[in-house]
Protein backbone atom coordinates (compact mmCIF):
# COMPACT_ATOMS: atom_id res chain seq x y z
CA LEU A 1 -78.08 45.01 50.75
CA LEU A 2 -78.95 41.18 49.69
CA ARG A 3 -75.14 39.29 49.56
CA GLY A 4 -74.53 38.64 45.83
CA ALA A 5 -76.45 41.30 44.50
CA ALA A 6 -74.86 43.89 42.71
CA THR A 7 -75.51 47.84 43.11
CA PRO A 8 -76.16 49.41 39.91
CA ALA A 9 -73.26 51.65 40.54
CA ALA A 10 -70.99 49.04 40.64
CA ALA A 11 -72.18 47.25 37.95
CA PRO A 12 -70.18 48.89 35.10
CA ALA A 13 -67.10 48.47 37.34
CA ALA A 14 -67.41 45.13 37.44
CA GLN A 15 -67.99 44.40 33.85
CA GLN A 16 -65.21 46.77 33.11
CA ALA A 17 -63.12 44.85 35.45
CA GLU A 18 -63.90 41.99 33.86
CA ALA A 19 -63.29 42.93 30.61
CA VAL A 20 -59.83 43.99 32.00
CA SER A 21 -59.31 40.30 33.43
CA ALA A 22 -60.66 39.43 29.97
CA GLY A 23 -58.28 41.37 27.92
CA GLY A 24 -55.19 40.29 30.19
CA VAL A 25 -56.09 36.23 29.49
CA ALA A 26 -56.25 37.28 26.04
CA ALA A 27 -52.83 39.18 25.83
CA GLY A 28 -51.23 36.56 27.87
CA LEU A 29 -52.10 33.74 25.58
CA ALA A 30 -50.41 36.49 22.29
CA VAL A 31 -47.52 36.68 24.53
CA GLY A 32 -47.50 32.79 25.10
CA ALA A 33 -47.83 32.29 21.76
CA VAL A 34 -45.35 34.51 20.71
CA PHE A 35 -43.12 32.94 22.81
CA ALA A 36 -44.15 29.33 21.60
CA ILE A 37 -43.41 30.13 17.83
CA ALA A 38 -40.00 31.72 19.10
CA ALA A 39 -39.12 28.62 21.08
CA SER A 40 -39.87 26.54 17.91
CA ARG A 41 -38.08 28.37 15.71
CA GLY A 42 -35.31 28.26 17.74
CA ARG A 43 -35.20 24.79 17.69
CA ARG A 44 -35.93 24.38 13.99
CA ARG A 45 -32.09 26.77 14.21
CA GLN A 46 -30.67 24.55 16.75
CA VAL A 47 -31.69 21.18 14.60
CA GLY A 48 -30.09 22.77 11.21
CA ARG A 49 -26.89 23.93 12.89
CA GLY A 50 -26.77 20.27 14.23
CA ARG A 51 -27.62 18.60 10.74
CA ALA A 52 -25.18 21.48 9.71
CA GLN A 53 -22.36 20.04 12.25
CA LEU A 54 -22.73 16.56 10.68
CA ARG A 55 -20.13 15.11 8.84
CA VAL A 56 -20.01 11.90 6.86
CA ALA A 57 -16.98 9.64 7.19
CA THR A 58 -15.41 9.13 3.69
CA VAL A 59 -13.54 6.00 2.26
CA ASP A 60 -10.58 7.22 -0.29
CA ALA A 61 -10.31 5.16 -3.37
CA PRO A 62 -7.47 2.28 -3.01
CA ALA A 63 -4.74 3.72 -5.06
CA PRO A 64 -4.59 2.52 -8.83
CA VAL A 65 -2.04 -0.54 -8.97
CA GLU A 66 0.92 -0.06 -11.80
CA GLN A 67 1.02 -2.44 -14.76
CA LYS A 68 4.13 -3.58 -15.26
CA LYS A 69 4.56 -3.96 -19.22
CA ASP A 70 4.32 -7.81 -20.32
CA LEU A 71 7.77 -8.64 -21.14
CA THR A 72 6.75 -11.75 -23.42
CA GLY A 73 8.38 -11.67 -26.68
CA LEU A 74 10.24 -8.52 -26.05
CA LEU A 75 13.50 -10.02 -24.36
CA PRO A 76 16.90 -9.51 -26.31
CA ASP A 77 19.90 -11.61 -26.31
CA CYS A 78 22.33 -11.97 -23.17
CA PRO A 79 25.81 -10.55 -23.92
CA PRO A 80 28.27 -12.84 -25.05
CA THR A 81 30.38 -14.22 -22.70
CA ILE A 82 33.74 -13.43 -23.07
CA TRP A 83 36.08 -15.93 -21.89
CA THR A 84 39.94 -14.63 -20.72
CA ALA A 85 41.20 -17.90 -19.63
CA ASP A 86 44.57 -17.75 -21.91
CA ASP A 87 47.73 -17.66 -19.90
CA ILE A 88 46.74 -18.54 -16.98
CA ASP A 89 49.12 -19.99 -14.51
CA ILE A 90 46.61 -22.40 -12.36
CA GLU A 91 49.66 -23.16 -10.09
CA ASN A 92 50.80 -19.92 -9.20
CA LEU A 93 47.00 -18.37 -8.72
CA PRO A 94 47.00 -15.14 -6.19
CA GLU A 95 45.55 -15.78 -2.88
CA VAL A 96 41.99 -15.05 -2.73
CA LYS A 97 40.88 -12.73 -0.50
CA GLU A 98 36.78 -12.68 -1.65
CA THR A 99 34.62 -15.70 -2.23
CA ALA A 100 31.49 -15.85 -3.99
CA PRO A 101 29.05 -15.43 -3.62
CA LEU A 102 28.47 -12.89 -1.31
CA VAL A 103 25.18 -14.07 0.73
CA VAL A 104 22.77 -11.11 2.26
CA ASP A 105 20.19 -12.57 4.68
CA ALA A 106 16.98 -10.72 4.82
CA LEU A 107 17.16 -11.97 8.91
CA GLU A 108 20.39 -10.44 9.68
CA LEU A 109 19.22 -6.92 8.42
CA LYS A 110 15.60 -6.97 10.30
CA GLU A 111 16.38 -3.65 11.95
CA LYS A 112 17.89 -2.25 8.73
CA ILE A 113 14.78 -3.22 6.37
CA PRO A 114 11.26 -2.15 8.03
CA THR A 115 8.41 -4.79 7.31
CA GLY A 116 7.13 -3.53 3.52
CA GLN A 117 9.69 -1.60 2.75
CA GLU A 118 12.42 -4.12 0.76
CA LYS A 119 11.93 -2.55 -2.31
CA ALA A 120 12.72 1.00 -1.01
CA PHE A 121 15.96 -0.73 0.57
CA PHE A 122 17.34 -2.02 -2.42
CA ALA A 123 16.62 1.26 -4.18
CA GLU A 124 18.74 2.90 -1.54
CA GLN A 125 21.58 0.61 -1.43
CA ARG A 126 21.83 -0.15 -4.97
CA GLU A 127 25.73 1.72 -5.58
CA SER A 128 26.42 -0.36 -2.54
CA ILE A 129 25.06 -3.42 -3.91
CA MET A 130 26.48 -2.93 -7.25
CA GLN A 131 30.06 -2.67 -5.93
CA GLN A 132 30.12 -5.70 -4.15
CA LEU A 133 28.75 -7.84 -7.11
CA GLN A 134 32.23 -6.45 -9.01
CA LYS A 135 34.35 -7.32 -5.84
CA HIS A 136 32.75 -10.97 -5.45
CA GLY A 137 31.28 -11.55 -8.91
CA ALA A 138 27.58 -12.91 -6.99
CA ILE A 139 25.49 -12.06 -4.43
CA LEU A 140 22.92 -14.58 -3.11
CA PHE A 141 19.65 -12.86 -1.50
CA ARG A 142 18.11 -15.07 1.27
CA ASN A 143 14.82 -14.87 2.99
CA PHE A 144 13.59 -11.45 0.91
CA ASP A 145 9.85 -11.82 1.29
CA MET A 146 9.66 -9.48 -2.37
CA MET A 147 11.21 -12.54 -4.10
CA LYS A 148 8.87 -15.71 -3.27
CA ASP A 149 7.19 -14.66 -6.78
CA ALA A 150 7.98 -13.37 -10.47
CA GLU A 151 5.85 -9.91 -9.56
CA GLY A 152 7.85 -9.71 -6.57
CA PHE A 153 11.13 -10.70 -8.45
CA ARG A 154 10.19 -8.18 -11.17
CA GLU A 155 10.14 -5.51 -8.53
CA PHE A 156 13.75 -6.47 -7.24
CA TYR A 157 15.81 -6.76 -10.29
CA GLU A 158 14.21 -3.62 -11.66
CA SER A 159 14.78 -1.50 -8.06
CA LEU A 160 18.75 -2.15 -8.74
CA GLN A 161 18.50 -0.95 -12.25
CA LEU A 162 18.87 -4.59 -13.65
CA ASN A 163 17.36 -5.46 -17.74
CA PRO A 164 16.36 -9.00 -18.23
CA CYS A 165 17.77 -10.88 -21.34
CA LEU A 166 17.39 -14.35 -22.72
CA ASP A 167 18.88 -17.40 -20.64
CA PRO A 168 21.85 -17.63 -23.48
CA ILE A 169 21.03 -21.35 -24.04
CA HIS A 170 17.27 -20.64 -23.87
CA THR A 171 17.13 -22.72 -27.59
CA SER A 172 18.22 -25.58 -25.66
CA GLY A 173 14.96 -25.74 -24.01
CA LEU A 174 16.69 -26.59 -20.37
CA ARG A 175 14.77 -24.49 -18.41
CA GLU A 176 11.49 -22.50 -18.19
CA MET A 177 10.40 -19.10 -17.76
CA VAL A 178 7.93 -19.45 -14.02
CA GLY A 179 6.67 -15.74 -15.59
CA LYS A 180 6.95 -14.82 -18.92
CA LYS A 181 5.18 -11.31 -18.66
CA ASP A 182 7.76 -10.51 -15.89
CA ALA A 183 10.91 -12.57 -17.47
CA VAL A 184 11.73 -14.51 -14.72
CA TYR A 185 13.35 -17.90 -15.22
CA GLU A 186 13.31 -21.27 -13.05
CA ALA A 187 16.27 -23.44 -12.27
CA VAL A 188 17.35 -26.12 -14.34
CA ASN A 189 15.39 -29.33 -12.94
CA LYS A 190 14.22 -31.44 -15.20
CA PRO A 191 15.24 -34.68 -13.59
CA SER A 192 16.03 -36.09 -17.56
CA LEU A 193 19.06 -33.35 -17.16
CA ALA A 194 20.81 -35.06 -13.57
CA GLN A 195 23.93 -35.75 -16.04
CA HIS A 196 24.11 -32.93 -17.94
CA PHE A 197 26.46 -30.46 -17.26
CA VAL A 198 25.49 -26.60 -16.86
CA GLY A 199 28.26 -24.44 -16.78
CA LEU A 200 28.36 -21.62 -14.32
CA HIS A 201 25.69 -23.44 -12.29
CA ASN A 202 26.49 -25.37 -8.71
CA GLU A 203 22.89 -26.41 -8.19
CA SER A 204 21.45 -30.01 -8.56
CA THR A 205 20.35 -29.74 -11.95
CA PHE A 206 17.20 -32.48 -11.07
CA VAL A 207 16.16 -30.59 -7.77
CA LYS A 208 13.44 -28.17 -7.93
CA THR A 209 14.42 -24.65 -5.74
């Protein structure tokens, strides 16, 4: 037999082998395609899962600012002063045990008043503060941040449940309001009133405070 030449009996076997080989290749390609499709679907599912796990950061809307009622033109007259100075013996006054005003300084209360909690402090201490007011007759509050403007001063007196009223001598024009909306007067500071006596006041009438 010459090399390379197939016998008639070997030909069908060779053809069958080629057919089997071709079928194996086709089957392999088919299996590969199935795996490729499955892998692709798996990747899509993983991507889908990844997308589903994404979280979008959100920012809460700022809390609405409480709108205070405008008190312009709504203040009542202050209660009249009742003078009970009759029959007072100036020469035999009792010993003074308490003086006025009582000074309450925020710098001395740092440990008791956390930053931004002055309003809560006054609300919590209201009963004690009112007792001190009855005892001393006047209280001077110093270095409180909330009292640096008219809006903050209103927060202060409302936290103590105090009601504003008109200046008893408002018709004389001795003082102006720095905040009509919040019912806050300024001190008597007109230079023309330097020689004017303002009862129950100890500030300089011509110095802006």
